[in-house]
Amino acid sequence: MELIIKEEDFIGKGRMKKNFFDMTDEEKEVWRQDISENTRRILFAKGQPLVYSKAGVMVAEYEDGKVIAL
């Protein structure tokens, strides 16, 4: 079963001050950077690592800067 979430539903929820589809390219870039930093801050505040793919390898980054391969 394939689950499809419309982009409008995903982006329309949350704390955005301006509609994503009305943003300029520069505003979208700032928004992407803010989302990244906010996600990192929230995870670290909860004692959780930030997990992402780096050079094709899943890694966990911790608040103290430690990065380990998973």
C-alpha atoms as a PDB file:
ATOM      1  CA  MET A   1       0.000   0.000   0.000  1.00  0.00           C
ATOM      2  CA  GLU A   2       1.411   3.347  -1.024  1.00  0.00           C
ATOM      3  CA  LEU A   3       0.740   6.351   1.192  1.00  0.00           C
ATOM      4  CA  ILE A   4       0.729   9.655  -0.596  1.00  0.00           C
ATOM      5  CA  ILE A   5       0.721  12.898   1.373  1.00  0.00           C
ATOM      6  CA  LYS A   6      -0.023  16.003  -0.613  1.00  0.00           C
ATOM      7  CA  GLU A   7       2.668  18.670  -0.336  1.00  0.00           C
ATOM      8  CA  GLU A   8      -0.018  21.211   0.521  1.00  0.00           C
ATOM      9  CA  ASP A   9      -1.063  19.135   3.568  1.00  0.00           C
ATOM     10  CA  PHE A  10       2.510  18.738   4.781  1.00  0.00           C
ATOM     11  CA  ILE A  11       3.513  22.348   4.337  1.00  0.00           C
ATOM     12  CA  GLY A  12       0.180  23.838   5.428  1.00  0.00           C
ATOM     13  CA  LYS A  13       0.527  22.622   9.012  1.00  0.00           C
ATOM     14  CA  GLY A  14       2.770  24.212  11.593  1.00  0.00           C
ATOM     15  CA  ARG A  15       4.003  27.685  12.407  1.00  0.00           C
ATOM     16  CA  MET A  16       4.669  29.186   9.002  1.00  0.00           C
ATOM     17  CA  LYS A  17       4.073  32.920   8.790  1.00  0.00           C
ATOM     18  CA  LYS A  18       3.682  32.931   5.007  1.00  0.00           C
ATOM     19  CA  ASN A  19       2.260  30.423   2.543  1.00  0.00           C
ATOM     20  CA  PHE A  20       5.085  28.344   1.059  1.00  0.00           C
ATOM     21  CA  PHE A  21       3.728  28.784  -2.462  1.00  0.00           C
ATOM     22  CA  ASP A  22       3.779  32.579  -2.117  1.00  0.00           C
ATOM     23  CA  MET A  23       7.439  32.717  -0.990  1.00  0.00           C
ATOM     24  CA  THR A  24      10.292  33.921  -3.165  1.00  0.00           C
ATOM     25  CA  ASP A  25      13.284  31.626  -3.716  1.00  0.00           C
ATOM     26  CA  GLU A  26      15.269  33.609  -1.135  1.00  0.00           C
ATOM     27  CA  GLU A  27      12.491  33.265   1.452  1.00  0.00           C
ATOM     28  CA  LYS A  28      12.304  29.511   0.803  1.00  0.00           C
ATOM     29  CA  GLU A  29      16.047  29.161   1.395  1.00  0.00           C
ATOM     30  CA  VAL A  30      15.829  31.048   4.706  1.00  0.00           C
ATOM     31  CA  TRP A  31      12.832  28.873   5.677  1.00  0.00           C
ATOM     32  CA  ARG A  32      14.802  25.671   4.913  1.00  0.00           C
ATOM     33  CA  GLN A  33      17.713  26.850   7.062  1.00  0.00           C
ATOM     34  CA  ASP A  34      15.375  27.808   9.920  1.00  0.00           C
ATOM     35  CA  ILE A  35      13.664  24.400   9.789  1.00  0.00           C
ATOM     36  CA  SER A  36      17.040  22.665   9.941  1.00  0.00           C
ATOM     37  CA  GLU A  37      18.248  24.666  12.938  1.00  0.00           C
ATOM     38  CA  ASN A  38      14.903  24.395  14.750  1.00  0.00           C
ATOM     39  CA  THR A  39      14.838  20.601  14.273  1.00  0.00           C
ATOM     40  CA  ARG A  40      18.395  20.284  15.592  1.00  0.00           C
ATOM     41  CA  ARG A  41      17.596  22.456  18.636  1.00  0.00           C
ATOM     42  CA  ILE A  42      14.419  20.519  19.495  1.00  0.00           C
ATOM     43  CA  LEU A  43      16.101  17.110  19.193  1.00  0.00           C
ATOM     44  CA  PHE A  44      19.109  18.118  21.285  1.00  0.00           C
ATOM     45  CA  ALA A  45      16.846  19.653  23.953  1.00  0.00           C
ATOM     46  CA  LYS A  46      15.148  16.251  24.258  1.00  0.00           C
ATOM     47  CA  GLY A  47      18.492  14.448  24.437  1.00  0.00           C
ATOM     48  CA  GLN A  48      17.987  12.871  21.019  1.00  0.00           C
ATOM     49  CA  PRO A  49      20.533  12.711  18.192  1.00  0.00           C
ATOM     50  CA  LEU A  50      19.984  14.177  14.749  1.00  0.00           C
ATOM     51  CA  VAL A  51      20.024  11.225  12.332  1.00  0.00           C
ATOM     52  CA  TYR A  52      20.731  11.768   8.642  1.00  0.00           C
ATOM     53  CA  SER A  53      22.534  10.320   5.640  1.00  0.00           C
ATOM     54  CA  LYS A  54      26.074  11.517   4.985  1.00  0.00           C
ATOM     55  CA  ALA A  55      27.932  10.185   1.939  1.00  0.00           C
ATOM     56  CA  GLY A  56      25.438   7.328   1.734  1.00  0.00           C
ATOM     57  CA  VAL A  57      25.893   6.287   5.382  1.00  0.00           C
ATOM     58  CA  MET A  58      23.327   6.881   8.133  1.00  0.00           C
ATOM     59  CA  VAL A  59      24.889   8.851  10.998  1.00  0.00           C
ATOM     60  CA  ALA A  60      23.721  10.138  14.361  1.00  0.00           C
ATOM     61  CA  GLU A  61      24.943  13.570  15.442  1.00  0.00           C
ATOM     62  CA  TYR A  62      24.821  14.444  19.140  1.00  0.00           C
ATOM     63  CA  GLU A  63      24.716  17.817  20.867  1.00  0.00           C
ATOM     64  CA  ASP A  64      28.354  17.519  21.983  1.00  0.00           C
ATOM     65  CA  GLY A  65      29.393  17.245  18.316  1.00  0.00           C
ATOM     66  CA  LYS A  66      29.990  13.496  18.344  1.00  0.00           C
ATOM     67  CA  VAL A  67      28.949  11.849  15.054  1.00  0.00           C
ATOM     68  CA  ILE A  68      28.685   8.061  14.833  1.00  0.00           C
ATOM     69  CA  ALA A  69      27.839   5.816  11.902  1.00  0.00           C
ATOM     70  CA  LEU A  70      24.778   3.653  12.353  1.00  0.00           C
END
